[in-house]
C-alpha atoms as a PDB file:
ATOM      1  CA  UNK A   1      61.068 134.876 103.787  1.00  0.00           C
ATOM      2  CA  UNK A   2      64.592 136.183 104.473  1.00  0.00           C
ATOM      3  CA  UNK A   3      64.284 134.715 108.156  1.00  0.00           C
ATOM      4  CA  UNK A   4      63.204 131.347 106.551  1.00  0.00           C
ATOM      5  CA  UNK A   5      66.180 131.323 104.268  1.00  0.00           C
ATOM      6  CA  UNK A   6      68.776 132.079 107.019  1.00  0.00           C
ATOM      7  CA  UNK A   7      67.299 129.050 108.993  1.00  0.00           C
ATOM      8  CA  UNK A   8      67.809 126.875 106.076  1.00  0.00           C
ATOM      9  CA  UNK A   9      71.414 127.976 105.677  1.00  0.00           C
ATOM     10  CA  UNK A  10      72.193 127.323 109.224  1.00  0.00           C
ATOM     11  CA  UNK A  11      70.659 123.813 109.141  1.00  0.00           C
ATOM     12  CA  UNK A  12      72.579 122.972 106.101  1.00  0.00           C
ATOM     13  CA  UNK A  13      75.820 123.939 107.566  1.00  0.00           C
ATOM     14  CA  UNK A  14      75.056 121.900 110.812  1.00  0.00           C
ATOM     15  CA  UNK A  15      74.270 118.837 108.712  1.00  0.00           C
ATOM     16  CA  UNK A  16      76.501 119.047 105.580  1.00  0.00           C
ATOM     17  CA  UNK A  17      79.212 121.424 106.778  1.00  0.00           C
ATOM     18  CA  UNK A  18      80.937 124.047 104.537  1.00  0.00           C
ATOM     19  CA  UNK A  19      82.034 122.907 101.093  1.00  0.00           C
ATOM     20  CA  UNK A  20      84.893 124.171  98.990  1.00  0.00           C
ATOM     21  CA  UNK A  21      85.742 122.953  95.567  1.00  0.00           C
ATOM     22  CA  UNK A  22      88.175 123.767  92.967  1.00  0.00           C
ATOM     23  CA  UNK A  23      90.387 122.205  90.237  1.00  0.00           C
ATOM     24  CA  UNK A  24      88.659 118.817  90.838  1.00  0.00           C
ATOM     25  CA  UNK A  25      89.357 118.860  94.704  1.00  0.00           C
ATOM     26  CA  UNK A  26      86.622 119.070  97.304  1.00  0.00           C
ATOM     27  CA  UNK A  27      86.820 120.021 100.845  1.00  0.00           C
ATOM     28  CA  UNK A  28      83.904 119.624 103.522  1.00  0.00           C
ATOM     29  CA  UNK A  29      84.241 121.072 107.070  1.00  0.00           C
ATOM     30  CA  UNK A  30      81.917 119.943 109.915  1.00  0.00           C
ATOM     31  CA  UNK A  31      81.712 121.768 113.135  1.00  0.00           C
ATOM     32  CA  UNK A  32      82.199 119.778 116.321  1.00  0.00           C
ATOM     33  CA  UNK A  33      79.451 120.443 119.024  1.00  0.00           C
ATOM     34  CA  UNK A  34      81.526 121.165 122.026  1.00  0.00           C
ATOM     35  CA  UNK A  35      83.179 124.716 121.668  1.00  0.00           C
ATOM     36  CA  UNK A  36      86.980 124.597 122.004  1.00  0.00           C
ATOM     37  CA  UNK A  37      87.090 120.786 122.041  1.00  0.00           C
ATOM     38  CA  UNK A  38      90.595 120.602 120.345  1.00  0.00           C
ATOM     39  CA  UNK A  39      90.045 117.608 118.046  1.00  0.00           C
ATOM     40  CA  UNK A  40      93.352 115.740 117.807  1.00  0.00           C
ATOM     41  CA  UNK A  41      93.774 112.086 116.788  1.00  0.00           C
ATOM     42  CA  UNK A  42      91.421 110.489 114.386  1.00  0.00           C
ATOM     43  CA  UNK A  43      90.771 106.912 113.027  1.00  0.00           C
ATOM     44  CA  UNK A  44      88.104 104.954 111.211  1.00  0.00           C
ATOM     45  CA  UNK A  45      86.109 102.586 113.104  1.00  0.00           C
ATOM     46  CA  UNK A  46      84.665  99.121 112.447  1.00  0.00           C
ATOM     47  CA  UNK A  47      81.271 100.666 112.192  1.00  0.00           C
ATOM     48  CA  UNK A  48      81.938 102.578 109.012  1.00  0.00           C
ATOM     49  CA  UNK A  49      82.210 105.897 111.060  1.00  0.00           C
ATOM     50  CA  UNK A  50      85.233 108.143 111.974  1.00  0.00           C
ATOM     51  CA  UNK A  51      86.084 108.739 115.536  1.00  0.00           C
ATOM     52  CA  UNK A  52      88.280 111.156 117.020  1.00  0.00           C
ATOM     53  CA  UNK A  53      89.737 112.380 120.351  1.00  0.00           C
ATOM     54  CA  UNK A  54      88.630 115.691 121.790  1.00  0.00           C
ATOM     55  CA  UNK A  55      91.825 116.796 123.718  1.00  0.00           C
ATOM     56  CA  UNK A  56      90.622 119.765 125.439  1.00  0.00           C
ATOM     57  CA  UNK A  57      86.936 118.690 125.375  1.00  0.00           C
ATOM     58  CA  UNK A  58      87.751 115.500 127.279  1.00  0.00           C
ATOM     59  CA  UNK A  59      85.417 113.497 125.102  1.00  0.00           C
ATOM     60  CA  UNK A  60      85.675 111.018 122.136  1.00  0.00           C
ATOM     61  CA  UNK A  61      83.773 112.325 119.143  1.00  0.00           C
ATOM     62  CA  UNK A  62      82.242 110.196 116.253  1.00  0.00           C
ATOM     63  CA  UNK A  63      81.219 111.598 112.902  1.00  0.00           C
ATOM     64  CA  UNK A  64      79.202 109.816 110.191  1.00  0.00           C
ATOM     65  CA  UNK A  65      79.954 109.955 106.396  1.00  0.00           C
ATOM     66  CA  UNK A  66      77.223 112.517 106.198  1.00  0.00           C
ATOM     67  CA  UNK A  67      78.815 114.697 108.736  1.00  0.00           C
ATOM     68  CA  UNK A  68      76.592 114.295 111.953  1.00  0.00           C
ATOM     69  CA  UNK A  69      78.778 114.493 115.130  1.00  0.00           C
ATOM     70  CA  UNK A  70      78.166 112.624 118.400  1.00  0.00           C
ATOM     71  CA  UNK A  71      80.255 112.999 121.232  1.00  0.00           C
ATOM     72  CA  UNK A  72      80.990 110.585 124.356  1.00  0.00           C
ATOM     73  CA  UNK A  73      82.377 112.382 127.538  1.00  0.00           C
ATOM     74  CA  UNK A  74      85.097 110.633 129.439  1.00  0.00           C
ATOM     75  CA  UNK A  75      84.119 109.525 133.050  1.00  0.00           C
ATOM     76  CA  UNK A  76      87.540 110.738 134.606  1.00  0.00           C
ATOM     77  CA  UNK A  77      88.536 114.477 135.043  1.00  0.00           C
ATOM     78  CA  UNK A  78      91.538 115.907 132.995  1.00  0.00           C
ATOM     79  CA  UNK A  79      92.174 112.796 130.725  1.00  0.00           C
ATOM     80  CA  UNK A  80      93.209 114.865 127.785  1.00  0.00           C
ATOM     81  CA  UNK A  81      92.646 112.203 125.136  1.00  0.00           C
ATOM     82  CA  UNK A  82      95.101 112.403 122.204  1.00  0.00           C
ATOM     83  CA  UNK A  83      95.428 109.585 119.812  1.00  0.00           C
ATOM     84  CA  UNK A  84      92.780 106.844 118.611  1.00  0.00           C
ATOM     85  CA  UNK A  85      93.029 103.503 116.878  1.00  0.00           C
ATOM     86  CA  UNK A  86      90.829 100.796 116.031  1.00  0.00           C
ATOM     87  CA  UNK A  87      91.476  97.670 118.241  1.00  0.00           C
ATOM     88  CA  UNK A  88      91.157  93.871 117.474  1.00  0.00           C
ATOM     89  CA  UNK A  89      87.862  93.878 119.306  1.00  0.00           C
ATOM     90  CA  UNK A  90      85.813  96.132 117.167  1.00  0.00           C
ATOM     91  CA  UNK A  91      86.257  99.076 119.796  1.00  0.00           C
ATOM     92  CA  UNK A  92      88.173 102.303 119.248  1.00  0.00           C
ATOM     93  CA  UNK A  93      91.158 102.552 121.687  1.00  0.00           C
ATOM     94  CA  UNK A  94      92.773 105.954 122.795  1.00  0.00           C
ATOM     95  CA  UNK A  95      95.589 107.470 124.715  1.00  0.00           C
ATOM     96  CA  UNK A  96      94.911 109.842 127.791  1.00  0.00           C
ATOM     97  CA  UNK A  97      97.919 112.302 127.972  1.00  0.00           C
ATOM     98  CA  UNK A  98      96.589 113.817 131.476  1.00  0.00           C
ATOM     99  CA  UNK A  99      94.864 110.807 132.789  1.00  0.00           C
ATOM    100  CA  UNK A 100      97.919 108.405 132.344  1.00  0.00           C
ATOM    101  CA  UNK A 101      95.563 105.690 130.972  1.00  0.00           C
ATOM    102  CA  UNK A 102      94.605 103.889 127.869  1.00  0.00           C
ATOM    103  CA  UNK A 103      90.930 103.999 127.123  1.00  0.00           C
ATOM    104  CA  UNK A 104      88.569 101.938 125.118  1.00  0.00           C
ATOM    105  CA  UNK A 105      85.083 103.013 123.598  1.00  0.00           C
ATOM    106  CA  UNK A 106      82.456 100.547 122.118  1.00  0.00           C
ATOM    107  CA  UNK A 107      81.568 101.445 118.540  1.00  0.00           C
ATOM    108  CA  UNK A 108      78.412  99.061 118.376  1.00  0.00           C
ATOM    109  CA  UNK A 109      80.157  97.082 115.491  1.00  0.00           C
ATOM    110  CA  UNK A 110      79.642  94.032 117.440  1.00  0.00           C
ATOM    111  CA  UNK A 111      76.050  93.206 118.497  1.00  0.00           C
ATOM    112  CA  UNK A 112      77.010  92.141 121.999  1.00  0.00           C
ATOM    113  CA  UNK A 113      78.498  95.671 122.612  1.00  0.00           C
ATOM    114  CA  UNK A 114      75.486  97.695 121.288  1.00  0.00           C
ATOM    115  CA  UNK A 115      74.689 100.563 121.755  1.00  0.00           C
ATOM    116  CA  UNK A 116      77.949 102.307 121.245  1.00  0.00           C
ATOM    117  CA  UNK A 117      79.615 104.685 123.614  1.00  0.00           C
ATOM    118  CA  UNK A 118      80.431 102.662 126.558  1.00  0.00           C
ATOM    119  CA  UNK A 119      83.920 103.666 127.924  1.00  0.00           C
ATOM    120  CA  UNK A 120      86.444 101.783 129.915  1.00  0.00           C
ATOM    121  CA  UNK A 121      89.823 103.079 131.132  1.00  0.00           C
ATOM    122  CA  UNK A 122      93.022 101.190 132.093  1.00  0.00           C
ATOM    123  CA  UNK A 123      95.688 102.814 134.078  1.00  0.00           C
ATOM    124  CA  UNK A 124      99.371 102.704 132.982  1.00  0.00           C
ATOM    125  CA  UNK A 125     101.875 101.251 135.501  1.00  0.00           C
ATOM    126  CA  UNK A 126     104.450 103.911 135.034  1.00  0.00           C
ATOM    127  CA  UNK A 127     103.302 107.476 136.777  1.00  0.00           C
ATOM    128  CA  UNK A 128     103.045 110.289 134.529  1.00  0.00           C
ATOM    129  CA  UNK A 129     103.974 108.344 131.343  1.00  0.00           C
ATOM    130  CA  UNK A 130     102.150 110.717 129.143  1.00  0.00           C
ATOM    131  CA  UNK A 131     100.746 108.137 126.600  1.00  0.00           C
ATOM    132  CA  UNK A 132     100.706 109.520 123.249  1.00  0.00           C
ATOM    133  CA  UNK A 133     100.343 107.291 120.083  1.00  0.00           C
ATOM    134  CA  UNK A 134      98.465 104.079 119.803  1.00  0.00           C
ATOM    135  CA  UNK A 135      98.059 101.222 117.086  1.00  0.00           C
ATOM    136  CA  UNK A 136      96.720  97.793 116.919  1.00  0.00           C
ATOM    137  CA  UNK A 137      99.444  95.469 116.560  1.00  0.00           C
ATOM    138  CA  UNK A 138     100.032  92.339 114.411  1.00  0.00           C
ATOM    139  CA  UNK A 139      99.819  90.203 117.522  1.00  0.00           C
ATOM    140  CA  UNK A 140      96.301  91.529 118.162  1.00  0.00           C
ATOM    141  CA  UNK A 141      97.379  93.589 120.979  1.00  0.00           C
ATOM    142  CA  UNK A 142      97.507  97.342 121.525  1.00  0.00           C
ATOM    143  CA  UNK A 143     100.701  99.230 121.344  1.00  0.00           C
ATOM    144  CA  UNK A 144     101.420 102.768 122.768  1.00  0.00           C
ATOM    145  CA  UNK A 145     104.157 105.127 123.175  1.00  0.00           C
ATOM    146  CA  UNK A 146     105.002 106.922 126.548  1.00  0.00           C
ATOM    147  CA  UNK A 147     106.510 110.244 125.679  1.00  0.00           C
ATOM    148  CA  UNK A 148     107.482 111.120 129.485  1.00  0.00           C
ATOM    149  CA  UNK A 149     108.019 107.628 130.528  1.00  0.00           C
ATOM    150  CA  UNK A 150     110.285 106.937 127.656  1.00  0.00           C
ATOM    151  CA  UNK A 151     108.896 103.581 126.986  1.00  0.00           C
ATOM    152  CA  UNK A 152     106.833 101.572 124.627  1.00  0.00           C
ATOM    153  CA  UNK A 153     103.612 100.054 126.140  1.00  0.00           C
ATOM    154  CA  UNK A 154     101.913  96.840 125.035  1.00  0.00           C
ATOM    155  CA  UNK A 155      98.317  96.145 126.457  1.00  0.00           C
ATOM    156  CA  UNK A 156      95.906  93.272 126.135  1.00  0.00           C
ATOM    157  CA  UNK A 157      92.314  93.768 125.593  1.00  0.00           C
ATOM    158  CA  UNK A 158      91.707  92.791 129.142  1.00  0.00           C
ATOM    159  CA  UNK A 159      94.077  95.931 130.133  1.00  0.00           C
ATOM    160  CA  UNK A 160      97.151  93.999 131.091  1.00  0.00           C
ATOM    161  CA  UNK A 161     100.237  96.284 130.392  1.00  0.00           C
ATOM    162  CA  UNK A 162     103.857  95.439 129.723  1.00  0.00           C
ATOM    163  CA  UNK A 163     106.413  98.319 129.180  1.00  0.00           C
ATOM    164  CA  UNK A 164     109.713  98.222 127.340  1.00  0.00           C
ATOM    165  CA  UNK A 165     112.153 100.971 128.130  1.00  0.00           C
ATOM    166  CA  UNK A 166     113.929 102.748 125.280  1.00  0.00           C
ATOM    167  CA  UNK A 167     117.826 102.999 125.598  1.00  0.00           C
ATOM    168  CA  UNK A 168     118.025 106.575 124.389  1.00  0.00           C
ATOM    169  CA  UNK A 169     117.261 108.912 127.219  1.00  0.00           C
ATOM    170  CA  UNK A 170     114.457 111.636 126.838  1.00  0.00           C
ATOM    171  CA  UNK A 171     113.587 110.260 123.431  1.00  0.00           C
ATOM    172  CA  UNK A 172     110.068 111.292 123.806  1.00  0.00           C
ATOM    173  CA  UNK A 173     108.511 108.443 121.594  1.00  0.00           C
ATOM    174  CA  UNK A 174     105.489 109.756 119.725  1.00  0.00           C
ATOM    175  CA  UNK A 175     103.492 108.116 116.965  1.00  0.00           C
ATOM    176  CA  UNK A 176     103.596 104.294 116.504  1.00  0.00           C
ATOM    177  CA  UNK A 177     102.437 102.100 113.495  1.00  0.00           C
ATOM    178  CA  UNK A 178     102.841  98.483 112.215  1.00  0.00           C
ATOM    179  CA  UNK A 179     105.498  97.972 109.642  1.00  0.00           C
ATOM    180  CA  UNK A 180     105.390  95.742 106.701  1.00  0.00           C
ATOM    181  CA  UNK A 181     107.811  93.511 108.477  1.00  0.00           C
ATOM    182  CA  UNK A 182     105.687  92.607 111.321  1.00  0.00           C
ATOM    183  CA  UNK A 183     107.253  95.038 113.791  1.00  0.00           C
ATOM    184  CA  UNK A 184     105.971  98.244 115.440  1.00  0.00           C
ATOM    185  CA  UNK A 185     107.724 101.396 114.403  1.00  0.00           C
ATOM    186  CA  UNK A 186     107.668 104.622 116.250  1.00  0.00           C
ATOM    187  CA  UNK A 187     109.102 108.364 116.044  1.00  0.00           C
ATOM    188  CA  UNK A 188     111.309 109.859 118.743  1.00  0.00           C
ATOM    189  CA  UNK A 189     110.639 113.494 119.041  1.00  0.00           C
ATOM    190  CA  UNK A 190     113.555 114.213 121.285  1.00  0.00           C
ATOM    191  CA  UNK A 191     115.925 111.483 120.149  1.00  0.00           C
ATOM    192  CA  UNK A 192     115.646 112.373 116.500  1.00  0.00           C
ATOM    193  CA  UNK A 193     115.304 108.802 115.762  1.00  0.00           C
ATOM    194  CA  UNK A 194     112.992 106.135 114.318  1.00  0.00           C
ATOM    195  CA  UNK A 195     112.606 103.133 116.538  1.00  0.00           C
ATOM    196  CA  UNK A 196     111.582  99.643 115.834  1.00  0.00           C
ATOM    197  CA  UNK A 197     110.242  97.121 118.242  1.00  0.00           C
ATOM    198  CA  UNK A 198     109.425  93.436 117.772  1.00  0.00           C
ATOM    199  CA  UNK A 199     106.385  91.859 119.295  1.00  0.00           C
ATOM    200  CA  UNK A 200     108.722  90.419 121.852  1.00  0.00           C
ATOM    201  CA  UNK A 201     110.132  93.853 122.827  1.00  0.00           C
ATOM    202  CA  UNK A 202     113.628  94.035 121.199  1.00  0.00           C
ATOM    203  CA  UNK A 203     114.027  97.727 120.315  1.00  0.00           C
ATOM    204  CA  UNK A 204     116.389  99.145 117.475  1.00  0.00           C
ATOM    205  CA  UNK A 205     116.823 102.712 116.661  1.00  0.00           C
ATOM    206  CA  UNK A 206     117.916 104.512 113.572  1.00  0.00           C
ATOM    207  CA  UNK A 207     118.952 108.141 113.335  1.00  0.00           C
ATOM    208  CA  UNK A 208     117.194 110.683 111.122  1.00  0.00           C
ATOM    209  CA  UNK A 209     119.653 112.483 108.769  1.00  0.00           C
ATOM    210  CA  UNK A 210     118.611 116.016 109.582  1.00  0.00           C
ATOM    211  CA  UNK A 211     119.522 116.969 113.080  1.00  0.00           C
ATOM    212  CA  UNK A 212     116.711 118.281 115.290  1.00  0.00           C
ATOM    213  CA  UNK A 213     114.143 117.276 112.776  1.00  0.00           C
ATOM    214  CA  UNK A 214     111.521 116.332 115.450  1.00  0.00           C
ATOM    215  CA  UNK A 215     110.074 113.026 113.842  1.00  0.00           C
ATOM    216  CA  UNK A 216     106.222 113.090 114.475  1.00  0.00           C
ATOM    217  CA  UNK A 217     103.629 111.057 112.447  1.00  0.00           C
ATOM    218  CA  UNK A 218     104.586 107.546 111.029  1.00  0.00           C
ATOM    219  CA  UNK A 219     102.794 105.407 108.492  1.00  0.00           C
ATOM    220  CA  UNK A 220     103.486 102.154 106.499  1.00  0.00           C
ATOM    221  CA  UNK A 221     103.549 103.178 102.878  1.00  0.00           C
ATOM    222  CA  UNK A 222     102.293 100.938  99.811  1.00  0.00           C
ATOM    223  CA  UNK A 223     105.952 100.596  98.737  1.00  0.00           C
ATOM    224  CA  UNK A 224     107.012  98.483 101.702  1.00  0.00           C
ATOM    225  CA  UNK A 225     108.631 101.420 103.506  1.00  0.00           C
ATOM    226  CA  UNK A 226     107.741 103.567 106.481  1.00  0.00           C
ATOM    227  CA  UNK A 227     106.913 107.097 105.992  1.00  0.00           C
ATOM    228  CA  UNK A 228     107.184 109.886 108.804  1.00  0.00           C
ATOM    229  CA  UNK A 229     106.850 113.823 109.180  1.00  0.00           C
ATOM    230  CA  UNK A 230     109.547 115.929 110.220  1.00  0.00           C
ATOM    231  CA  UNK A 231     107.828 118.506 112.452  1.00  0.00           C
ATOM    232  CA  UNK A 232     110.852 121.179 112.824  1.00  0.00           C
ATOM    233  CA  UNK A 233     112.647 119.695 109.839  1.00  0.00           C
ATOM    234  CA  UNK A 234     109.843 120.573 107.519  1.00  0.00           C
ATOM    235  CA  UNK A 235     110.355 117.336 105.448  1.00  0.00           C
ATOM    236  CA  UNK A 236     108.758 113.825 104.790  1.00  0.00           C
ATOM    237  CA  UNK A 237     110.987 111.017 105.587  1.00  0.00           C
ATOM    238  CA  UNK A 238     111.079 107.528 104.345  1.00  0.00           C
ATOM    239  CA  UNK A 239     112.891 104.619 106.107  1.00  0.00           C
ATOM    240  CA  UNK A 240     113.363 101.134 104.669  1.00  0.00           C
ATOM    241  CA  UNK A 241     112.797  98.201 107.076  1.00  0.00           C
ATOM    242  CA  UNK A 242     116.736  98.117 106.971  1.00  0.00           C
ATOM    243  CA  UNK A 243     116.851 101.457 108.363  1.00  0.00           C
ATOM    244  CA  UNK A 244     118.016 103.609 105.282  1.00  0.00           C
ATOM    245  CA  UNK A 245     116.596 107.197 105.523  1.00  0.00           C
ATOM    246  CA  UNK A 246     115.641 109.385 102.567  1.00  0.00           C
ATOM    247  CA  UNK A 247     114.112 112.840 103.169  1.00  0.00           C
ATOM    248  CA  UNK A 248     111.839 114.930 100.912  1.00  0.00           C
ATOM    249  CA  UNK A 249     111.493 118.681 101.517  1.00  0.00           C
ATOM    250  CA  UNK A 250     107.863 120.327 101.790  1.00  0.00           C
ATOM    251  CA  UNK A 251     107.488 123.238  99.443  1.00  0.00           C
ATOM    252  CA  UNK A 252     105.996 125.605 101.970  1.00  0.00           C
ATOM    253  CA  UNK A 253     108.480 126.784 104.716  1.00  0.00           C
ATOM    254  CA  UNK A 254     107.752 125.894 108.353  1.00  0.00           C
ATOM    255  CA  UNK A 255     104.736 123.956 107.554  1.00  0.00           C
ATOM    256  CA  UNK A 256     105.044 121.736 110.778  1.00  0.00           C
ATOM    257  CA  UNK A 257     103.835 118.484 109.356  1.00  0.00           C
ATOM    258  CA  UNK A 258     101.767 116.455 111.762  1.00  0.00           C
ATOM    259  CA  UNK A 259     100.272 113.054 111.131  1.00  0.00           C
ATOM    260  CA  UNK A 260     100.563 110.950 107.933  1.00  0.00           C
ATOM    261  CA  UNK A 261      98.491 108.081 106.510  1.00  0.00           C
ATOM    262  CA  UNK A 262      98.599 105.807 103.454  1.00  0.00           C
ATOM    263  CA  UNK A 263      95.854 106.952 101.048  1.00  0.00           C
ATOM    264  CA  UNK A 264      93.646 104.578  98.827  1.00  0.00           C
ATOM    265  CA  UNK A 265      95.415 106.072  95.803  1.00  0.00           C
ATOM    266  CA  UNK A 266      98.744 104.650  96.424  1.00  0.00           C
ATOM    267  CA  UNK A 267     100.287 108.016  97.909  1.00  0.00           C
ATOM    268  CA  UNK A 268     100.789 109.265 101.439  1.00  0.00           C
ATOM    269  CA  UNK A 269      98.721 112.034 103.014  1.00  0.00           C
ATOM    270  CA  UNK A 270      99.685 114.329 105.695  1.00  0.00           C
ATOM    271  CA  UNK A 271      98.576 117.358 107.652  1.00  0.00           C
ATOM    272  CA  UNK A 272     100.542 120.852 107.766  1.00  0.00           C
ATOM    273  CA  UNK A 273      99.673 122.087 111.228  1.00  0.00           C
ATOM    274  CA  UNK A 274     101.103 125.700 110.855  1.00  0.00           C
ATOM    275  CA  UNK A 275     100.105 126.418 107.386  1.00  0.00           C
ATOM    276  CA  UNK A 276      96.714 124.820 107.251  1.00  0.00           C
ATOM    277  CA  UNK A 277      97.235 122.532 104.399  1.00  0.00           C
ATOM    278  CA  UNK A 278      96.814 118.980 103.451  1.00  0.00           C
ATOM    279  CA  UNK A 279      99.764 117.363 101.764  1.00  0.00           C
ATOM    280  CA  UNK A 280     100.325 114.409  99.439  1.00  0.00           C
ATOM    281  CA  UNK A 281     103.505 112.715  98.886  1.00  0.00           C
ATOM    282  CA  UNK A 282     104.047 109.965  96.195  1.00  0.00           C
ATOM    283  CA  UNK A 283     106.490 107.162  96.896  1.00  0.00           C
ATOM    284  CA  UNK A 284     108.880 108.661  94.584  1.00  0.00           C
ATOM    285  CA  UNK A 285     108.892 111.768  96.896  1.00  0.00           C
ATOM    286  CA  UNK A 286     106.704 114.237  94.863  1.00  0.00           C
ATOM    287  CA  UNK A 287     104.983 116.635  97.205  1.00  0.00           C
ATOM    288  CA  UNK A 288     101.577 118.504  96.441  1.00  0.00           C
ATOM    289  CA  UNK A 289      99.759 120.755  98.790  1.00  0.00           C
ATOM    290  CA  UNK A 290      96.148 121.566  99.145  1.00  0.00           C
ATOM    291  CA  UNK A 291      95.031 124.488 101.235  1.00  0.00           C
ATOM    292  CA  UNK A 292      92.169 123.822 103.768  1.00  0.00           C
ATOM    293  CA  UNK A 293      89.392 126.305 103.291  1.00  0.00           C
ATOM    294  CA  UNK A 294      89.554 127.726 106.806  1.00  0.00           C
ATOM    295  CA  UNK A 295      92.717 129.617 107.398  1.00  0.00           C
ATOM    296  CA  UNK A 296      94.718 129.053 110.521  1.00  0.00           C
ATOM    297  CA  UNK A 297      92.735 125.749 111.379  1.00  0.00           C
ATOM    298  CA  UNK A 298      95.809 123.904 112.326  1.00  0.00           C
ATOM    299  CA  UNK A 299      95.007 120.382 110.941  1.00  0.00           C
ATOM    300  CA  UNK A 300      96.655 117.758 112.854  1.00  0.00           C
ATOM    301  CA  UNK A 301      95.256 114.108 112.831  1.00  0.00           C
ATOM    302  CA  UNK A 302      94.528 112.449 109.399  1.00  0.00           C
ATOM    303  CA  UNK A 303      92.831 109.112 108.590  1.00  0.00           C
ATOM    304  CA  UNK A 304      91.275 107.371 105.526  1.00  0.00           C
ATOM    305  CA  UNK A 305      87.440 106.951 106.180  1.00  0.00           C
ATOM    306  CA  UNK A 306      85.418 103.858 105.026  1.00  0.00           C
ATOM    307  CA  UNK A 307      84.219 106.094 102.273  1.00  0.00           C
ATOM    308  CA  UNK A 308      87.823 106.305 100.745  1.00  0.00           C
ATOM    309  CA  UNK A 309      88.131 110.067 101.498  1.00  0.00           C
ATOM    310  CA  UNK A 310      90.736 111.780 103.712  1.00  0.00           C
ATOM    311  CA  UNK A 311      89.370 112.731 107.094  1.00  0.00           C
ATOM    312  CA  UNK A 312      91.471 115.268 109.451  1.00  0.00           C
ATOM    313  CA  UNK A 313      90.842 117.253 112.485  1.00  0.00           C
ATOM    314  CA  UNK A 314      91.081 120.921 112.707  1.00  0.00           C
ATOM    315  CA  UNK A 315      92.464 121.716 116.112  1.00  0.00           C
ATOM    316  CA  UNK A 316      92.232 125.533 116.299  1.00  0.00           C
ATOM    317  CA  UNK A 317      88.728 125.938 114.767  1.00  0.00           C
ATOM    318  CA  UNK A 318      86.869 122.911 116.369  1.00  0.00           C
ATOM    319  CA  UNK A 319      86.130 121.318 112.984  1.00  0.00           C
ATOM    320  CA  UNK A 320      86.505 117.941 111.316  1.00  0.00           C
ATOM    321  CA  UNK A 321      87.391 118.139 107.766  1.00  0.00           C
ATOM    322  CA  UNK A 322      86.916 115.744 104.737  1.00  0.00           C
ATOM    323  CA  UNK A 323      88.836 115.713 101.565  1.00  0.00           C
ATOM    324  CA  UNK A 324      87.959 113.959  98.367  1.00  0.00           C
ATOM    325  CA  UNK A 325      90.926 112.866  96.370  1.00  0.00           C
ATOM    326  CA  UNK A 326      91.163 114.430  92.873  1.00  0.00           C
ATOM    327  CA  UNK A 327      90.561 111.740  90.193  1.00  0.00           C
ATOM    328  CA  UNK A 328      92.889 112.109  87.175  1.00  0.00           C
ATOM    329  CA  UNK A 329      90.960 111.228  84.030  1.00  0.00           C
ATOM    330  CA  UNK A 330      93.486 109.523  81.499  1.00  0.00           C
ATOM    331  CA  UNK A 331      93.435 110.945  77.896  1.00  0.00           C
ATOM    332  CA  UNK A 332      91.214 108.634  75.905  1.00  0.00           C
ATOM    333  CA  UNK A 333      92.847 106.784  73.085  1.00  0.00           C
ATOM    334  CA  UNK A 334      91.454 105.076  69.993  1.00  0.00           C
ATOM    335  CA  UNK A 335      90.778 101.278  70.923  1.00  0.00           C
ATOM    336  CA  UNK A 336      92.658  98.722  68.990  1.00  0.00           C
ATOM    337  CA  UNK A 337      90.971  96.693  66.314  1.00  0.00           C
ATOM    338  CA  UNK A 338      89.154  93.587  67.413  1.00  0.00           C
ATOM    339  CA  UNK A 339      91.111  90.331  67.127  1.00  0.00           C
ATOM    340  CA  UNK A 340      90.566  88.841  63.898  1.00  0.00           C
ATOM    341  CA  UNK A 341      89.887  92.088  62.182  1.00  0.00           C
ATOM    342  CA  UNK A 342      91.441  92.757  58.962  1.00  0.00           C
ATOM    343  CA  UNK A 343      91.956  96.302  57.785  1.00  0.00           C
ATOM    344  CA  UNK A 344      90.766  96.920  54.318  1.00  0.00           C
ATOM    345  CA  UNK A 345      93.209  97.838  51.706  1.00  0.00           C
ATOM    346  CA  UNK A 346      92.826 101.322  50.054  1.00  0.00           C
ATOM    347  CA  UNK A 347      93.020 100.895  46.138  1.00  0.00           C
ATOM    348  CA  UNK A 348      95.836 102.712  44.913  1.00  0.00           C
ATOM    349  CA  UNK A 349      95.188 105.807  42.715  1.00  0.00           C
ATOM    350  CA  UNK A 350      95.629 104.973  38.903  1.00  0.00           C
ATOM    351  CA  UNK A 351      98.797 106.709  37.678  1.00  0.00           C
ATOM    352  CA  UNK A 352      98.745 108.203  34.086  1.00  0.00           C
ATOM    353  CA  UNK A 353     100.843 106.439  31.390  1.00  0.00           C
ATOM    354  CA  UNK A 354     103.132 108.200  29.264  1.00  0.00           C
ATOM    355  CA  UNK A 355     100.475 109.467  26.930  1.00  0.00           C
ATOM    356  CA  UNK A 356      98.503 110.945  29.912  1.00  0.00           C
ATOM    357  CA  UNK A 357      95.915 108.346  29.747  1.00  0.00           C
ATOM    358  CA  UNK A 358      94.780 106.557  33.181  1.00  0.00           C
END
């Protein structure tokens, strides 16, 4: 009987993952099949599933809302896939740090590309460019950063690449996203700047206030600004489209914030790689932190899934995490009286006359 129960527990963990709940918050964690795969970037696909890169596993993983993981090995050797993004064609696009390529994997969202998992790789013209971040641009092209090449790349869905050099030397561009102004915005690890590039290739750079802050993740916020993480500065930064920077400290020291994403609740959510926490920052700059159940898990990539939950990669423990955003229940108040309703008057209490009679 005990052996039967043990088999049931093991099956439960494989299918549903571990669960931790407290104070209205719920974490789920799901193991990745390949040991030591080093899950990195993560993004929601057009198929309703979440897709992630396995940096040391050299594969692209897919996880369903219920926690079932499927892996697709890359055909080339040593590609080290890093970041993922949904493309304009229903596929997931990703960067290959080691392979110096941009990859594409079908999701099966389009019937013409079913079944999912077909992989195509496109080389980058600059040798050893180390592509890192990638996003789907407003022009329906793919935009990516070249950390070692010190350029911003643009690619058509057919694989044609155009590159734009950054004027700051050794700027090490990292993550990239679409801004509310129709431009692309990116972080510069080495240059300590936030960059902006138009779809025609014009680049403008804005310095971050804190020196040596190492800007990393970046996302467009619901307030019309861009929000970014400062890996060594231990802060969350906000930059307007005009270039004005404001910084908000993270309560936990040396948290090493990684990626950041706009949540469905009107806040920004980010990972804390060194302290194994998930952070939330309001558009007013108030930071709240939630400890990931598995210690020393090194959460890195973060995305919003089709289920409205926060999904993230746990690099050190080979897991994918899911976080259910706490729902704040407002205090109930008495409903107003219906229109046309007349509140009845209460008859006054009779007062005695001077003789004590009522």
